[in-house]
Amino acid sequence: MKLYYFPGACSLAPHMALREAGLNVELEKVDLASKKTETGVDFTTINPKGSVPCLRLDNGEYLTECAVLLQWIADQKPSSGLAPAAGTPERYRLMETLNFIATELHKGFGPLFNPALPDAARKIALENLQGRLGYINQQLAGKQFLMGSGFTVADCYLATVLGWAGFMKIDLSPWPNLGAYLGRVMARPAVQATMKAEGLG
């Protein structure tokens, strides 16, 4: 397997999951501005969407989209407990959570990465994001991890997205559960190894 990634981008989530599952993977960094991989390949010939993450499977096929990759990785190593079994009510709850992270949090941060975003639009984006962060803060009340006491791929995704708050200078202190949660996730050995591999820790 090969994971095409950019340090700290949403590709960090499947990278974490691969290490949590104990799966061997080759890494290839992508320059998202030039759309070139570190070996000089035009990344759009690999993923026409031009975005990471992209995972080349052992059969030569490519799989994209963060929430999909996360579930695929978990299903390769069911004993890891990274996702409930397919078809169970618990799995649909995980899918529901992954979809919320993707569409409400991940995409909520998206506009803030644009330096040309007008101040009025930035203010609206931040207000919307604050509401979503408040919701997640409530969901984490009394829990070690997002789905309960066990670490899942949803935590890989949420921790990745919450990590962008520091980059954006968004203060998470109004939501105390988020800071404590992020500390627990980032302390995990597999997560620390992922951060180190991407040059982030």
Protein backbone atom coordinates (compact mmCIF):
# COMPACT_ATOMS: atom_id res chain seq x y z
CA MET A 1 0.00 0.00 0.00
CA LYS A 2 1.02 3.58 -0.56
CA LEU A 3 -0.55 6.64 1.07
CA TYR A 4 -0.30 9.92 -0.80
CA TYR A 5 -0.37 12.66 1.81
CA PHE A 6 0.43 16.24 2.71
CA PRO A 7 1.75 16.88 6.26
CA GLY A 8 -1.05 17.86 8.64
CA ALA A 9 -3.79 17.72 5.99
CA CYS A 10 -6.80 15.43 6.37
CA SER A 11 -4.57 12.61 5.06
CA LEU A 12 -3.16 12.59 8.59
CA ALA A 13 -6.31 10.74 9.71
CA PRO A 14 -5.87 7.60 7.56
CA HIS A 15 -2.14 7.73 8.29
CA MET A 16 -2.98 7.53 12.01
CA ALA A 17 -5.45 4.72 11.37
CA LEU A 18 -2.90 2.70 9.38
CA ARG A 19 -0.43 2.92 12.25
CA GLU A 20 -3.11 2.18 14.87
CA ALA A 21 -4.07 -0.93 12.87
CA GLY A 22 -0.44 -1.99 12.54
CA LEU A 23 -0.61 -2.04 8.74
CA ASN A 24 2.51 -1.45 6.67
CA VAL A 25 2.28 1.46 4.26
CA GLU A 26 4.63 3.38 2.01
CA LEU A 27 4.31 7.16 2.15
CA GLU A 28 4.60 9.65 -0.69
CA LYS A 29 4.24 13.36 -0.04
CA VAL A 30 2.28 15.51 -2.47
CA ASP A 31 2.88 19.20 -3.14
CA LEU A 32 -0.72 20.37 -3.30
CA ALA A 33 0.22 23.63 -5.03
CA SER A 34 2.10 22.08 -7.94
CA LYS A 35 0.18 18.77 -7.84
CA LYS A 36 3.50 16.91 -8.00
CA THR A 37 4.50 14.01 -5.76
CA GLU A 38 7.90 13.99 -4.12
CA THR A 39 9.12 11.61 -6.84
CA GLY A 40 8.06 14.10 -9.54
CA VAL A 41 4.87 12.37 -10.70
CA ASP A 42 1.87 14.45 -11.77
CA PHE A 43 -0.50 13.63 -8.91
CA THR A 44 -3.59 14.29 -11.05
CA THR A 45 -2.67 11.19 -13.08
CA ILE A 46 -3.06 9.22 -9.84
CA ASN A 47 -6.04 11.08 -8.38
CA PRO A 48 -7.82 13.35 -10.89
CA LYS A 49 -9.42 15.18 -7.93
CA GLY A 50 -5.93 16.43 -7.06
CA SER A 51 -6.52 16.08 -3.34
CA VAL A 52 -5.18 13.91 -0.54
CA PRO A 53 -5.63 11.39 0.94
CA CYS A 54 -5.26 8.81 -1.79
CA LEU A 55 -4.40 5.22 -1.01
CA ARG A 56 -2.94 2.84 -3.57
CA LEU A 57 -4.11 -0.63 -2.64
CA ASP A 58 -2.02 -3.76 -3.07
CA ASN A 59 -4.06 -4.69 -6.17
CA GLY A 60 -3.05 -1.41 -7.84
CA GLU A 61 -6.41 0.31 -7.43
CA TYR A 62 -6.74 3.73 -5.79
CA LEU A 63 -9.14 4.70 -3.04
CA THR A 64 -9.93 8.29 -2.04
CA GLU A 65 -12.07 10.27 0.44
CA CYS A 66 -11.02 10.37 4.07
CA ALA A 67 -14.12 8.82 5.68
CA VAL A 68 -14.06 5.94 3.18
CA LEU A 69 -10.34 5.25 3.63
CA LEU A 70 -10.76 5.20 7.40
CA GLN A 71 -13.43 2.50 7.24
CA TRP A 72 -11.50 0.49 4.67
CA ILE A 73 -8.43 0.55 6.92
CA ALA A 74 -10.46 -0.52 9.97
CA ASP A 75 -12.00 -3.38 8.00
CA GLN A 76 -8.55 -4.73 7.08
CA LYS A 77 -7.86 -5.34 10.77
CA PRO A 78 -11.18 -5.98 12.57
CA SER A 79 -9.31 -7.07 15.69
CA SER A 80 -8.02 -3.50 16.08
CA GLY A 81 -11.48 -2.34 17.17
CA LEU A 82 -11.11 0.77 15.00
CA ALA A 83 -14.66 0.32 13.67
CA PRO A 84 -17.68 -1.78 14.65
CA ALA A 85 -18.57 -4.64 12.32
CA ALA A 86 -20.21 -3.67 9.03
CA GLY A 87 -23.99 -3.80 9.06
CA THR A 88 -24.35 -3.32 12.82
CA PRO A 89 -26.21 -0.37 14.36
CA GLU A 90 -22.91 0.71 15.92
CA ARG A 91 -21.28 0.88 12.49
CA TYR A 92 -24.01 3.18 11.23
CA ARG A 93 -23.42 5.44 14.23
CA LEU A 94 -19.74 5.55 13.31
CA MET A 95 -20.64 6.39 9.71
CA GLU A 96 -22.99 9.11 10.93
CA THR A 97 -20.17 10.59 13.01
CA LEU A 98 -17.61 10.39 10.19
CA ASN A 99 -20.06 12.12 7.87
CA PHE A 100 -20.61 14.93 10.39
CA ILE A 101 -16.86 15.44 10.79
CA ALA A 102 -16.41 15.49 7.00
CA THR A 103 -19.26 17.79 6.07
CA GLU A 104 -19.62 20.06 9.10
CA LEU A 105 -16.18 20.29 10.72
CA HIS A 106 -13.70 19.52 7.93
CA LYS A 107 -15.54 21.64 5.39
CA GLY A 108 -16.23 24.23 8.07
CA PHE A 109 -12.50 24.82 8.44
CA GLY A 110 -11.99 24.89 4.67
CA PRO A 111 -12.73 28.56 3.97
CA LEU A 112 -10.41 29.66 6.78
CA PHE A 113 -7.39 28.30 4.90
CA ASN A 114 -8.03 30.84 2.13
CA PRO A 115 -5.95 33.98 2.83
CA ALA A 116 -8.12 35.95 0.39
CA LEU A 117 -11.31 35.26 2.36
CA PRO A 118 -12.99 38.61 3.20
CA ASP A 119 -13.26 39.43 6.90
CA ALA A 120 -17.08 39.30 6.84
CA ALA A 121 -17.04 35.81 5.33
CA ARG A 122 -14.37 34.69 7.80
CA LYS A 123 -16.55 35.90 10.68
CA ILE A 124 -19.52 33.88 9.40
CA ALA A 125 -17.36 30.78 8.86
CA LEU A 126 -15.98 31.05 12.40
CA GLU A 127 -19.46 31.47 13.91
CA ASN A 128 -20.71 28.39 12.06
CA LEU A 129 -17.66 26.41 13.15
CA GLN A 130 -18.10 27.44 16.77
CA GLY A 131 -21.58 25.93 16.79
CA ARG A 132 -20.22 22.63 15.44
CA LEU A 133 -17.40 22.61 17.99
CA GLY A 134 -19.95 23.17 20.74
CA TYR A 135 -21.90 20.14 19.53
CA ILE A 136 -18.81 17.91 19.53
CA ASN A 137 -17.85 19.22 22.97
CA GLN A 138 -21.25 18.03 24.25
CA GLN A 139 -20.84 14.65 22.52
CA LEU A 140 -17.56 14.10 24.35
CA ALA A 141 -19.00 14.76 27.81
CA GLY A 142 -18.19 11.80 30.04
CA LYS A 143 -16.42 9.91 27.23
CA GLN A 144 -12.80 9.00 26.66
CA PHE A 145 -13.27 8.95 22.90
CA LEU A 146 -15.89 10.03 20.41
CA MET A 147 -17.77 6.73 20.19
CA GLY A 148 -17.37 5.92 23.90
CA SER A 149 -14.52 4.24 25.74
CA GLY A 150 -12.84 2.71 22.69
CA PHE A 151 -10.63 4.49 20.17
CA THR A 152 -11.99 4.37 16.59
CA VAL A 153 -11.21 5.84 13.19
CA ALA A 154 -13.61 8.68 14.05
CA ASP A 155 -11.03 9.81 16.59
CA CYS A 156 -8.32 9.82 13.92
CA TYR A 157 -10.45 12.15 11.83
CA LEU A 158 -11.67 14.41 14.64
CA ALA A 159 -8.20 14.83 16.16
CA THR A 160 -6.80 15.75 12.74
CA VAL A 161 -9.45 18.43 12.19
CA LEU A 162 -9.23 19.78 15.75
CA GLY A 163 -5.50 20.10 15.26
CA TRP A 164 -6.16 22.75 12.64
CA ALA A 165 -7.58 25.02 15.34
CA GLY A 166 -4.07 25.71 16.62
CA PHE A 167 -2.85 26.52 13.12
CA MET A 168 -5.79 28.90 12.70
CA LYS A 169 -5.28 30.40 16.17
CA ILE A 170 -8.76 29.30 17.25
CA ASP A 171 -8.94 29.08 21.03
CA LEU A 172 -10.53 25.78 22.11
CA SER A 173 -10.75 26.75 25.79
CA PRO A 174 -14.50 27.54 25.59
CA TRP A 175 -14.97 23.80 24.95
CA PRO A 176 -12.93 22.08 27.68
CA ASN A 177 -13.83 18.56 26.58
CA LEU A 178 -12.12 19.18 23.23
CA GLY A 179 -8.74 20.11 24.69
CA ALA A 180 -8.70 17.18 27.09
CA TYR A 181 -9.77 14.82 24.33
CA LEU A 182 -7.14 16.07 21.90
CA GLY A 183 -4.48 15.53 24.57
CA ARG A 184 -5.57 11.90 25.02
CA VAL A 185 -5.48 11.19 21.31
CA MET A 186 -2.16 12.90 20.68
CA ALA A 187 -0.54 10.95 23.54
CA ARG A 188 -1.17 7.62 21.82
CA PRO A 189 2.07 5.99 20.62
CA ALA A 190 0.75 5.33 17.10
CA VAL A 191 -0.40 8.94 16.79
CA GLN A 192 2.94 10.23 18.01
CA ALA A 193 4.69 8.01 15.45
CA THR A 194 2.43 9.40 12.72
CA MET A 195 3.20 12.97 13.67
CA LYS A 196 6.92 12.25 13.71
CA ALA A 197 6.76 10.55 10.29
CA GLU A 198 5.09 13.63 8.80
CA GLY A 199 7.57 15.99 10.43
CA LEU A 200 4.95 17.44 12.74
CA GLY A 201 6.15 16.25 16.12
